């Protein structure tokens, strides 16, 4: 059916533009995808058994009204370094990746993004790892949102979670990338979203150990995982798992945990014990002799 007129006779405040309808030939299910004109958010609505555009419109309208009563804004601490690590492997369909991207957009909208406030970085991965932007790439919310919206939705192969986490510790959690890891007052938060157990690359659990030892809170979100995948996500996340690990049956449920994840990130521990860092060099001391080649000078850090 053509649902192009899904918003016919709908109130202006819930105007919806239908994007596409796909049919699953094995399950005989229909799925309706839509964008909100106002927020740019994206969701998937199961419309199995809906035989006309009015039924679809009623379902979409109900979802929009639910979203309008499900605010993403929350009271965040003054500043935070927040890095998203997104699974873009081939098992994540283009439709589901767009839903995941919408989740990241909505969460970012709730943050006070600025150079002195919340800084955002993002890594995508499949077989290869793609560091899309670092903490010092964008210092305003509009730029960060535009960079997230521009993420490619093309599948990227296998699930290389370990290498993605290594990229975070080696290329993002460093001062030259804008990380404030060692100022001891800026919470560090990593949010991992994946739909499968790692099947290539470094060991994710070991790489996560490194990141957590640096003082970073890791929140793991898994979608439709096997038992092995659940165990791996528990090992990656910060303890306790009951507060830092979320298991969903499908990507559409990301919307239901948006407020919880945002609140959890905004209340991350700011008193994490971080490893020592090198300080600045002191001035050179005076030479131990007034002349000759045997004198020495010393400086320390």
C-alpha atoms as a PDB file:
ATOM      1  CA  UNK A   1       0.000   0.000   0.000  1.00  0.00           C
ATOM      2  CA  UNK A   2       0.985   3.607  -0.441  1.00  0.00           C
ATOM      3  CA  UNK A   3       1.074   5.424   2.896  1.00  0.00           C
ATOM      4  CA  UNK A   4       2.157   8.759   1.452  1.00  0.00           C
ATOM      5  CA  UNK A   5      -0.962  10.385   2.869  1.00  0.00           C
ATOM      6  CA  UNK A   6      -0.453   9.039   6.364  1.00  0.00           C
ATOM      7  CA  UNK A   7      -0.741  12.522   7.834  1.00  0.00           C
ATOM      8  CA  UNK A   8      -4.028  13.341   6.101  1.00  0.00           C
ATOM      9  CA  UNK A   9      -6.428  15.086   8.471  1.00  0.00           C
ATOM     10  CA  UNK A  10      -3.872  14.904  11.280  1.00  0.00           C
ATOM     11  CA  UNK A  11      -3.262  17.847  13.655  1.00  0.00           C
ATOM     12  CA  UNK A  12      -0.443  20.181  12.669  1.00  0.00           C
ATOM     13  CA  UNK A  13       1.523  19.462  15.841  1.00  0.00           C
ATOM     14  CA  UNK A  14       1.802  15.802  14.870  1.00  0.00           C
ATOM     15  CA  UNK A  15       2.507  16.165  11.170  1.00  0.00           C
ATOM     16  CA  UNK A  16       4.295  13.056   9.943  1.00  0.00           C
ATOM     17  CA  UNK A  17       5.931  12.353   6.612  1.00  0.00           C
ATOM     18  CA  UNK A  18       5.899   8.686   5.630  1.00  0.00           C
ATOM     19  CA  UNK A  19       9.258   7.516   4.360  1.00  0.00           C
ATOM     20  CA  UNK A  20       9.035   3.888   3.353  1.00  0.00           C
ATOM     21  CA  UNK A  21       7.162   0.656   3.880  1.00  0.00           C
ATOM     22  CA  UNK A  22       8.978  -2.667   3.743  1.00  0.00           C
ATOM     23  CA  UNK A  23       7.630  -6.186   3.755  1.00  0.00           C
ATOM     24  CA  UNK A  24       9.352  -9.116   5.425  1.00  0.00           C
ATOM     25  CA  UNK A  25       8.629 -12.016   3.086  1.00  0.00           C
ATOM     26  CA  UNK A  26       9.365 -14.680   5.701  1.00  0.00           C
ATOM     27  CA  UNK A  27       7.385 -13.306   8.603  1.00  0.00           C
ATOM     28  CA  UNK A  28       4.675 -11.538   6.572  1.00  0.00           C
ATOM     29  CA  UNK A  29       5.095  -8.437   8.686  1.00  0.00           C
ATOM     30  CA  UNK A  30       4.919  -4.842   7.568  1.00  0.00           C
ATOM     31  CA  UNK A  31       7.035  -2.082   8.997  1.00  0.00           C
ATOM     32  CA  UNK A  32       6.375   1.609   8.672  1.00  0.00           C
ATOM     33  CA  UNK A  33       9.216   4.103   9.121  1.00  0.00           C
ATOM     34  CA  UNK A  34       8.731   7.781   9.660  1.00  0.00           C
ATOM     35  CA  UNK A  35      10.517  11.034  10.443  1.00  0.00           C
ATOM     36  CA  UNK A  36       9.205  13.726  12.744  1.00  0.00           C
ATOM     37  CA  UNK A  37       9.140  17.089  10.995  1.00  0.00           C
ATOM     38  CA  UNK A  38       9.977  18.929  14.220  1.00  0.00           C
ATOM     39  CA  UNK A  39      12.673  16.827  15.837  1.00  0.00           C
ATOM     40  CA  UNK A  40      14.188  14.766  13.056  1.00  0.00           C
ATOM     41  CA  UNK A  41      13.816  11.649  15.172  1.00  0.00           C
ATOM     42  CA  UNK A  42      13.327   8.306  13.480  1.00  0.00           C
ATOM     43  CA  UNK A  43      11.403   5.277  14.582  1.00  0.00           C
ATOM     44  CA  UNK A  44       9.997   2.033  13.256  1.00  0.00           C
ATOM     45  CA  UNK A  45       6.363   1.089  13.751  1.00  0.00           C
ATOM     46  CA  UNK A  46       5.104  -2.470  13.288  1.00  0.00           C
ATOM     47  CA  UNK A  47       1.900  -2.167  11.251  1.00  0.00           C
ATOM     48  CA  UNK A  48       1.086  -5.844  10.809  1.00  0.00           C
ATOM     49  CA  UNK A  49      -2.633  -6.232  10.229  1.00  0.00           C
ATOM     50  CA  UNK A  50      -3.236  -2.562   9.479  1.00  0.00           C
ATOM     51  CA  UNK A  51      -5.253  -2.496   6.279  1.00  0.00           C
ATOM     52  CA  UNK A  52      -5.662   1.211   5.574  1.00  0.00           C
ATOM     53  CA  UNK A  53      -3.891   4.515   5.957  1.00  0.00           C
ATOM     54  CA  UNK A  54      -6.143   5.626   8.808  1.00  0.00           C
ATOM     55  CA  UNK A  55      -5.023   2.718  11.003  1.00  0.00           C
ATOM     56  CA  UNK A  56      -1.388   3.525  10.260  1.00  0.00           C
ATOM     57  CA  UNK A  57      -1.962   7.226  10.874  1.00  0.00           C
ATOM     58  CA  UNK A  58      -3.590   6.510  14.233  1.00  0.00           C
ATOM     59  CA  UNK A  59      -0.645   4.349  15.314  1.00  0.00           C
ATOM     60  CA  UNK A  60       1.926   6.916  14.181  1.00  0.00           C
ATOM     61  CA  UNK A  61       0.008   9.746  15.822  1.00  0.00           C
ATOM     62  CA  UNK A  62      -0.160   7.809  19.095  1.00  0.00           C
ATOM     63  CA  UNK A  63       3.596   7.230  18.927  1.00  0.00           C
ATOM     64  CA  UNK A  64       4.264  10.912  18.303  1.00  0.00           C
ATOM     65  CA  UNK A  65       2.092  11.951  21.218  1.00  0.00           C
ATOM     66  CA  UNK A  66       3.894   9.428  23.415  1.00  0.00           C
ATOM     67  CA  UNK A  67       7.222  10.936  22.346  1.00  0.00           C
ATOM     68  CA  UNK A  68       5.978  14.443  23.041  1.00  0.00           C
ATOM     69  CA  UNK A  69       5.291  13.295  26.612  1.00  0.00           C
ATOM     70  CA  UNK A  70       8.662  11.549  26.841  1.00  0.00           C
ATOM     71  CA  UNK A  71      11.127  14.439  27.057  1.00  0.00           C
ATOM     72  CA  UNK A  72      14.790  13.819  26.409  1.00  0.00           C
ATOM     73  CA  UNK A  73      16.029  16.808  28.371  1.00  0.00           C
ATOM     74  CA  UNK A  74      17.412  16.260  31.837  1.00  0.00           C
ATOM     75  CA  UNK A  75      19.518  18.179  34.295  1.00  0.00           C
ATOM     76  CA  UNK A  76      23.144  17.425  33.505  1.00  0.00           C
ATOM     77  CA  UNK A  77      26.216  18.309  35.490  1.00  0.00           C
ATOM     78  CA  UNK A  78      28.129  21.307  34.126  1.00  0.00           C
ATOM     79  CA  UNK A  79      30.550  19.306  31.988  1.00  0.00           C
ATOM     80  CA  UNK A  80      31.283  15.813  30.744  1.00  0.00           C
ATOM     81  CA  UNK A  81      33.319  14.005  28.064  1.00  0.00           C
ATOM     82  CA  UNK A  82      30.904  11.668  26.275  1.00  0.00           C
ATOM     83  CA  UNK A  83      31.958   9.193  23.576  1.00  0.00           C
ATOM     84  CA  UNK A  84      29.530   7.059  21.572  1.00  0.00           C
ATOM     85  CA  UNK A  85      30.743   3.764  20.080  1.00  0.00           C
ATOM     86  CA  UNK A  86      28.286   2.518  17.446  1.00  0.00           C
ATOM     87  CA  UNK A  87      28.120  -0.914  15.834  1.00  0.00           C
ATOM     88  CA  UNK A  88      27.774  -0.379  12.095  1.00  0.00           C
ATOM     89  CA  UNK A  89      28.364  -3.998  11.070  1.00  0.00           C
ATOM     90  CA  UNK A  90      26.372  -5.758   8.376  1.00  0.00           C
ATOM     91  CA  UNK A  91      23.997  -7.313  10.916  1.00  0.00           C
ATOM     92  CA  UNK A  92      22.676  -3.818  11.661  1.00  0.00           C
ATOM     93  CA  UNK A  93      20.294  -2.948   8.846  1.00  0.00           C
ATOM     94  CA  UNK A  94      20.234   0.546   7.389  1.00  0.00           C
ATOM     95  CA  UNK A  95      16.829   1.010   9.001  1.00  0.00           C
ATOM     96  CA  UNK A  96      18.059  -0.047  12.438  1.00  0.00           C
ATOM     97  CA  UNK A  97      21.203   2.056  12.157  1.00  0.00           C
ATOM     98  CA  UNK A  98      19.032   5.071  11.451  1.00  0.00           C
ATOM     99  CA  UNK A  99      17.032   4.281  14.586  1.00  0.00           C
ATOM    100  CA  UNK A 100      20.297   4.047  16.548  1.00  0.00           C
ATOM    101  CA  UNK A 101      21.443   7.338  15.061  1.00  0.00           C
ATOM    102  CA  UNK A 102      18.176   8.947  16.145  1.00  0.00           C
ATOM    103  CA  UNK A 103      18.827   7.756  19.711  1.00  0.00           C
ATOM    104  CA  UNK A 104      22.269   9.401  19.686  1.00  0.00           C
ATOM    105  CA  UNK A 105      20.809  12.612  18.247  1.00  0.00           C
ATOM    106  CA  UNK A 106      18.118  12.806  20.909  1.00  0.00           C
ATOM    107  CA  UNK A 107      20.576  12.144  23.707  1.00  0.00           C
ATOM    108  CA  UNK A 108      22.971  14.791  22.402  1.00  0.00           C
ATOM    109  CA  UNK A 109      20.151  17.329  22.248  1.00  0.00           C
ATOM    110  CA  UNK A 110      19.743  16.927  26.017  1.00  0.00           C
ATOM    111  CA  UNK A 111      23.363  17.882  26.661  1.00  0.00           C
ATOM    112  CA  UNK A 112      24.937  21.295  27.166  1.00  0.00           C
ATOM    113  CA  UNK A 113      27.424  20.865  24.320  1.00  0.00           C
ATOM    114  CA  UNK A 114      30.232  23.421  24.366  1.00  0.00           C
ATOM    115  CA  UNK A 115      33.976  23.679  24.819  1.00  0.00           C
ATOM    116  CA  UNK A 116      33.577  24.188  28.565  1.00  0.00           C
ATOM    117  CA  UNK A 117      30.474  22.011  28.934  1.00  0.00           C
ATOM    118  CA  UNK A 118      29.854  18.586  27.414  1.00  0.00           C
ATOM    119  CA  UNK A 119      32.237  17.455  24.700  1.00  0.00           C
ATOM    120  CA  UNK A 120      31.155  14.658  22.377  1.00  0.00           C
ATOM    121  CA  UNK A 121      33.181  12.143  20.357  1.00  0.00           C
ATOM    122  CA  UNK A 122      31.960   9.282  18.190  1.00  0.00           C
ATOM    123  CA  UNK A 123      33.367   6.047  16.792  1.00  0.00           C
ATOM    124  CA  UNK A 124      31.692   3.737  14.268  1.00  0.00           C
ATOM    125  CA  UNK A 125      32.899   0.253  13.550  1.00  0.00           C
ATOM    126  CA  UNK A 126      32.353  -2.869  11.509  1.00  0.00           C
ATOM    127  CA  UNK A 127      35.335  -4.793  10.245  1.00  0.00           C
ATOM    128  CA  UNK A 128      37.273  -1.537  10.307  1.00  0.00           C
ATOM    129  CA  UNK A 129      37.063   1.303  12.807  1.00  0.00           C
ATOM    130  CA  UNK A 130      36.032   4.807  11.798  1.00  0.00           C
ATOM    131  CA  UNK A 131      36.762   7.589  14.291  1.00  0.00           C
ATOM    132  CA  UNK A 132      34.183  10.091  13.060  1.00  0.00           C
ATOM    133  CA  UNK A 133      35.054  12.973  15.390  1.00  0.00           C
ATOM    134  CA  UNK A 134      36.946  13.636  18.620  1.00  0.00           C
ATOM    135  CA  UNK A 135      36.216  15.801  21.645  1.00  0.00           C
ATOM    136  CA  UNK A 136      37.867  18.859  20.093  1.00  0.00           C
ATOM    137  CA  UNK A 137      36.365  18.484  16.610  1.00  0.00           C
ATOM    138  CA  UNK A 138      33.084  20.251  17.425  1.00  0.00           C
ATOM    139  CA  UNK A 139      32.451  22.621  20.318  1.00  0.00           C
ATOM    140  CA  UNK A 140      28.813  23.549  19.620  1.00  0.00           C
ATOM    141  CA  UNK A 141      25.666  21.448  19.629  1.00  0.00           C
ATOM    142  CA  UNK A 142      24.576  22.244  16.066  1.00  0.00           C
ATOM    143  CA  UNK A 143      27.892  21.049  14.660  1.00  0.00           C
ATOM    144  CA  UNK A 144      27.789  17.840  16.684  1.00  0.00           C
ATOM    145  CA  UNK A 145      24.199  17.138  15.626  1.00  0.00           C
ATOM    146  CA  UNK A 146      25.084  17.750  11.985  1.00  0.00           C
ATOM    147  CA  UNK A 147      28.035  15.352  12.237  1.00  0.00           C
ATOM    148  CA  UNK A 148      25.821  12.657  13.769  1.00  0.00           C
ATOM    149  CA  UNK A 149      23.115  13.173  11.160  1.00  0.00           C
ATOM    150  CA  UNK A 150      25.749  12.741   8.441  1.00  0.00           C
ATOM    151  CA  UNK A 151      26.853   9.297   9.654  1.00  0.00           C
ATOM    152  CA  UNK A 152      26.786   6.820   6.754  1.00  0.00           C
ATOM    153  CA  UNK A 153      24.197   4.066   6.979  1.00  0.00           C
ATOM    154  CA  UNK A 154      26.080   1.573   4.810  1.00  0.00           C
ATOM    155  CA  UNK A 155      26.924  -1.724   6.579  1.00  0.00           C
ATOM    156  CA  UNK A 156      30.605  -2.091   7.422  1.00  0.00           C
ATOM    157  CA  UNK A 157      31.186  -5.861   7.620  1.00  0.00           C
ATOM    158  CA  UNK A 158      32.034  -7.823  10.791  1.00  0.00           C
ATOM    159  CA  UNK A 159      31.787  -6.821  14.477  1.00  0.00           C
ATOM    160  CA  UNK A 160      35.160  -5.482  15.612  1.00  0.00           C
ATOM    161  CA  UNK A 161      34.213  -4.152  19.035  1.00  0.00           C
ATOM    162  CA  UNK A 162      37.687  -4.680  20.492  1.00  0.00           C
ATOM    163  CA  UNK A 163      39.456  -2.515  17.922  1.00  0.00           C
ATOM    164  CA  UNK A 164      36.787   0.161  18.349  1.00  0.00           C
ATOM    165  CA  UNK A 165      37.450   0.304  22.098  1.00  0.00           C
ATOM    166  CA  UNK A 166      41.196   0.371  21.454  1.00  0.00           C
ATOM    167  CA  UNK A 167      40.654   3.358  19.157  1.00  0.00           C
ATOM    168  CA  UNK A 168      38.865   5.139  22.001  1.00  0.00           C
ATOM    169  CA  UNK A 169      41.683   4.610  24.500  1.00  0.00           C
ATOM    170  CA  UNK A 170      44.461   5.412  22.026  1.00  0.00           C
ATOM    171  CA  UNK A 171      43.026   8.236  19.902  1.00  0.00           C
ATOM    172  CA  UNK A 172      40.178   9.846  21.872  1.00  0.00           C
ATOM    173  CA  UNK A 173      40.998   9.635  25.573  1.00  0.00           C
ATOM    174  CA  UNK A 174      44.109  11.770  25.101  1.00  0.00           C
ATOM    175  CA  UNK A 175      44.652  15.506  25.666  1.00  0.00           C
ATOM    176  CA  UNK A 176      45.446  16.197  21.998  1.00  0.00           C
ATOM    177  CA  UNK A 177      41.957  14.933  21.103  1.00  0.00           C
ATOM    178  CA  UNK A 178      40.323  17.288  23.606  1.00  0.00           C
ATOM    179  CA  UNK A 179      39.937  14.779  26.430  1.00  0.00           C
ATOM    180  CA  UNK A 180      39.790  16.256  29.922  1.00  0.00           C
ATOM    181  CA  UNK A 181      40.523  12.877  31.475  1.00  0.00           C
ATOM    182  CA  UNK A 182      43.239  14.118  33.796  1.00  0.00           C
ATOM    183  CA  UNK A 183      41.679  17.299  35.130  1.00  0.00           C
ATOM    184  CA  UNK A 184      40.005  15.112  37.800  1.00  0.00           C
ATOM    185  CA  UNK A 185      36.735  17.054  37.673  1.00  0.00           C
ATOM    186  CA  UNK A 186      35.269  16.067  34.280  1.00  0.00           C
ATOM    187  CA  UNK A 187      33.228  12.829  34.215  1.00  0.00           C
ATOM    188  CA  UNK A 188      34.184  10.438  31.422  1.00  0.00           C
ATOM    189  CA  UNK A 189      31.378   8.372  29.855  1.00  0.00           C
ATOM    190  CA  UNK A 190      31.403   5.835  27.024  1.00  0.00           C
ATOM    191  CA  UNK A 191      28.168   4.475  25.561  1.00  0.00           C
ATOM    192  CA  UNK A 192      28.456   1.320  23.453  1.00  0.00           C
ATOM    193  CA  UNK A 193      25.580   0.207  21.222  1.00  0.00           C
ATOM    194  CA  UNK A 194      25.843  -3.166  19.495  1.00  0.00           C
ATOM    195  CA  UNK A 195      23.663  -5.988  18.198  1.00  0.00           C
ATOM    196  CA  UNK A 196      26.181  -8.814  18.371  1.00  0.00           C
ATOM    197  CA  UNK A 197      29.181 -10.447  19.950  1.00  0.00           C
ATOM    198  CA  UNK A 198      32.576  -9.391  18.603  1.00  0.00           C
ATOM    199  CA  UNK A 199      33.863 -11.782  15.933  1.00  0.00           C
ATOM    200  CA  UNK A 200      37.113 -10.162  14.800  1.00  0.00           C
ATOM    201  CA  UNK A 201      39.954  -8.057  16.165  1.00  0.00           C
ATOM    202  CA  UNK A 202      41.165  -7.378  19.702  1.00  0.00           C
ATOM    203  CA  UNK A 203      39.478  -8.813  22.771  1.00  0.00           C
ATOM    204  CA  UNK A 204      36.757  -6.329  23.802  1.00  0.00           C
ATOM    205  CA  UNK A 205      36.850  -7.293  27.466  1.00  0.00           C
ATOM    206  CA  UNK A 206      40.584  -6.531  27.709  1.00  0.00           C
ATOM    207  CA  UNK A 207      40.230  -3.223  25.876  1.00  0.00           C
ATOM    208  CA  UNK A 208      37.328  -2.255  28.121  1.00  0.00           C
ATOM    209  CA  UNK A 209      39.472  -3.044  31.175  1.00  0.00           C
ATOM    210  CA  UNK A 210      41.995  -0.472  29.959  1.00  0.00           C
ATOM    211  CA  UNK A 211      39.325   2.173  29.449  1.00  0.00           C
ATOM    212  CA  UNK A 212      37.707   1.598  32.831  1.00  0.00           C
ATOM    213  CA  UNK A 213      41.122   1.736  34.512  1.00  0.00           C
ATOM    214  CA  UNK A 214      41.503   5.209  33.009  1.00  0.00           C
ATOM    215  CA  UNK A 215      38.442   6.343  34.957  1.00  0.00           C
ATOM    216  CA  UNK A 216      35.743   6.029  32.306  1.00  0.00           C
ATOM    217  CA  UNK A 217      32.200   4.843  33.048  1.00  0.00           C
ATOM    218  CA  UNK A 218      31.114   2.404  30.320  1.00  0.00           C
ATOM    219  CA  UNK A 219      27.410   1.927  29.582  1.00  0.00           C
ATOM    220  CA  UNK A 220      26.630  -1.060  27.346  1.00  0.00           C
ATOM    221  CA  UNK A 221      23.460  -1.371  25.270  1.00  0.00           C
ATOM    222  CA  UNK A 222      22.848  -4.667  23.485  1.00  0.00           C
ATOM    223  CA  UNK A 223      20.075  -5.408  21.019  1.00  0.00           C
ATOM    224  CA  UNK A 224      18.834  -8.978  20.442  1.00  0.00           C
ATOM    225  CA  UNK A 225      22.014 -10.610  21.769  1.00  0.00           C
ATOM    226  CA  UNK A 226      22.880 -14.271  22.243  1.00  0.00           C
ATOM    227  CA  UNK A 227      23.853 -15.572  25.688  1.00  0.00           C
ATOM    228  CA  UNK A 228      27.536 -15.189  24.779  1.00  0.00           C
ATOM    229  CA  UNK A 229      26.938 -11.639  23.619  1.00  0.00           C
ATOM    230  CA  UNK A 230      25.196 -10.813  26.883  1.00  0.00           C
ATOM    231  CA  UNK A 231      28.170 -12.109  28.858  1.00  0.00           C
ATOM    232  CA  UNK A 232      30.569 -10.047  26.782  1.00  0.00           C
ATOM    233  CA  UNK A 233      28.555  -6.868  27.275  1.00  0.00           C
ATOM    234  CA  UNK A 234      28.454  -7.459  31.031  1.00  0.00           C
ATOM    235  CA  UNK A 235      32.243  -7.825  31.041  1.00  0.00           C
ATOM    236  CA  UNK A 236      32.679  -4.607  29.062  1.00  0.00           C
ATOM    237  CA  UNK A 237      30.450  -2.381  31.188  1.00  0.00           C
ATOM    238  CA  UNK A 238      31.233  -0.677  34.474  1.00  0.00           C
ATOM    239  CA  UNK A 239      29.978  -2.491  37.568  1.00  0.00           C
ATOM    240  CA  UNK A 240      27.348  -2.949  38.755  1.00  0.00           C
ATOM    241  CA  UNK A 241      25.924  -4.466  35.564  1.00  0.00           C
ATOM    242  CA  UNK A 242      22.390  -3.876  36.813  1.00  0.00           C
ATOM    243  CA  UNK A 243      22.967  -0.138  36.387  1.00  0.00           C
ATOM    244  CA  UNK A 244      25.263  -0.055  33.354  1.00  0.00           C
ATOM    245  CA  UNK A 245      23.994  -2.772  31.005  1.00  0.00           C
ATOM    246  CA  UNK A 246      20.778  -2.656  28.993  1.00  0.00           C
ATOM    247  CA  UNK A 247      19.440  -5.525  26.872  1.00  0.00           C
ATOM    248  CA  UNK A 248      16.757  -4.817  24.275  1.00  0.00           C
ATOM    249  CA  UNK A 249      14.844  -7.121  21.964  1.00  0.00           C
ATOM    250  CA  UNK A 250      14.817  -4.663  19.053  1.00  0.00           C
ATOM    251  CA  UNK A 251      16.158  -1.257  18.059  1.00  0.00           C
ATOM    252  CA  UNK A 252      12.779   0.453  18.479  1.00  0.00           C
ATOM    253  CA  UNK A 253      13.124  -0.056  22.242  1.00  0.00           C
ATOM    254  CA  UNK A 254      16.015   2.423  22.307  1.00  0.00           C
ATOM    255  CA  UNK A 255      13.408   5.127  22.609  1.00  0.00           C
ATOM    256  CA  UNK A 256      12.107   3.576  25.813  1.00  0.00           C
ATOM    257  CA  UNK A 257      15.482   3.770  27.589  1.00  0.00           C
ATOM    258  CA  UNK A 258      16.517   7.187  26.279  1.00  0.00           C
ATOM    259  CA  UNK A 259      15.695   9.076  29.458  1.00  0.00           C
ATOM    260  CA  UNK A 260      17.308   6.411  31.673  1.00  0.00           C
ATOM    261  CA  UNK A 261      20.551   6.413  29.681  1.00  0.00           C
ATOM    262  CA  UNK A 262      20.690  10.201  29.550  1.00  0.00           C
ATOM    263  CA  UNK A 263      20.147  10.470  33.296  1.00  0.00           C
ATOM    264  CA  UNK A 264      22.762   7.792  33.979  1.00  0.00           C
ATOM    265  CA  UNK A 265      25.340   9.611  31.853  1.00  0.00           C
ATOM    266  CA  UNK A 266      24.493  12.967  33.382  1.00  0.00           C
ATOM    267  CA  UNK A 267      25.047  11.580  36.872  1.00  0.00           C
ATOM    268  CA  UNK A 268      28.305   9.783  36.149  1.00  0.00           C
ATOM    269  CA  UNK A 269      30.794   9.723  38.995  1.00  0.00           C
ATOM    270  CA  UNK A 270      33.035  12.801  38.976  1.00  0.00           C
ATOM    271  CA  UNK A 271      35.307  11.459  41.723  1.00  0.00           C
ATOM    272  CA  UNK A 272      36.775   8.564  39.777  1.00  0.00           C
ATOM    273  CA  UNK A 273      40.376   7.770  40.683  1.00  0.00           C
ATOM    274  CA  UNK A 274      42.376   8.214  37.539  1.00  0.00           C
ATOM    275  CA  UNK A 275      45.911   7.016  36.813  1.00  0.00           C
ATOM    276  CA  UNK A 276      48.752   9.504  37.311  1.00  0.00           C
ATOM    277  CA  UNK A 277      49.695  11.724  34.409  1.00  0.00           C
ATOM    278  CA  UNK A 278      52.949  13.479  33.566  1.00  0.00           C
ATOM    279  CA  UNK A 279      53.075  17.074  34.734  1.00  0.00           C
ATOM    280  CA  UNK A 280      54.975  19.943  33.149  1.00  0.00           C
ATOM    281  CA  UNK A 281      58.783  20.001  33.230  1.00  0.00           C
ATOM    282  CA  UNK A 282      60.393  22.176  35.890  1.00  0.00           C
ATOM    283  CA  UNK A 283      63.046  24.741  35.029  1.00  0.00           C
ATOM    284  CA  UNK A 284      66.606  23.504  34.608  1.00  0.00           C
ATOM    285  CA  UNK A 285      68.721  23.709  37.767  1.00  0.00           C
ATOM    286  CA  UNK A 286      71.993  25.575  37.874  1.00  0.00           C
ATOM    287  CA  UNK A 287      75.048  23.744  36.574  1.00  0.00           C
ATOM    288  CA  UNK A 288      76.982  21.784  39.183  1.00  0.00           C
ATOM    289  CA  UNK A 289      80.276  23.283  37.991  1.00  0.00           C
ATOM    290  CA  UNK A 290      81.142  26.753  36.811  1.00  0.00           C
ATOM    291  CA  UNK A 291      83.106  25.522  33.789  1.00  0.00           C
ATOM    292  CA  UNK A 292      84.313  22.372  32.031  1.00  0.00           C
ATOM    293  CA  UNK A 293      82.507  19.370  30.440  1.00  0.00           C
ATOM    294  CA  UNK A 294      81.633  17.476  33.631  1.00  0.00           C
ATOM    295  CA  UNK A 295      78.883  19.693  35.028  1.00  0.00           C
ATOM    296  CA  UNK A 296      75.235  18.698  35.003  1.00  0.00           C
ATOM    297  CA  UNK A 297      71.853  20.386  35.181  1.00  0.00           C
ATOM    298  CA  UNK A 298      68.641  18.730  36.310  1.00  0.00           C
ATOM    299  CA  UNK A 299      64.946  19.195  35.668  1.00  0.00           C
ATOM    300  CA  UNK A 300      61.989  17.083  36.786  1.00  0.00           C
ATOM    301  CA  UNK A 301      58.326  16.440  36.177  1.00  0.00           C
END
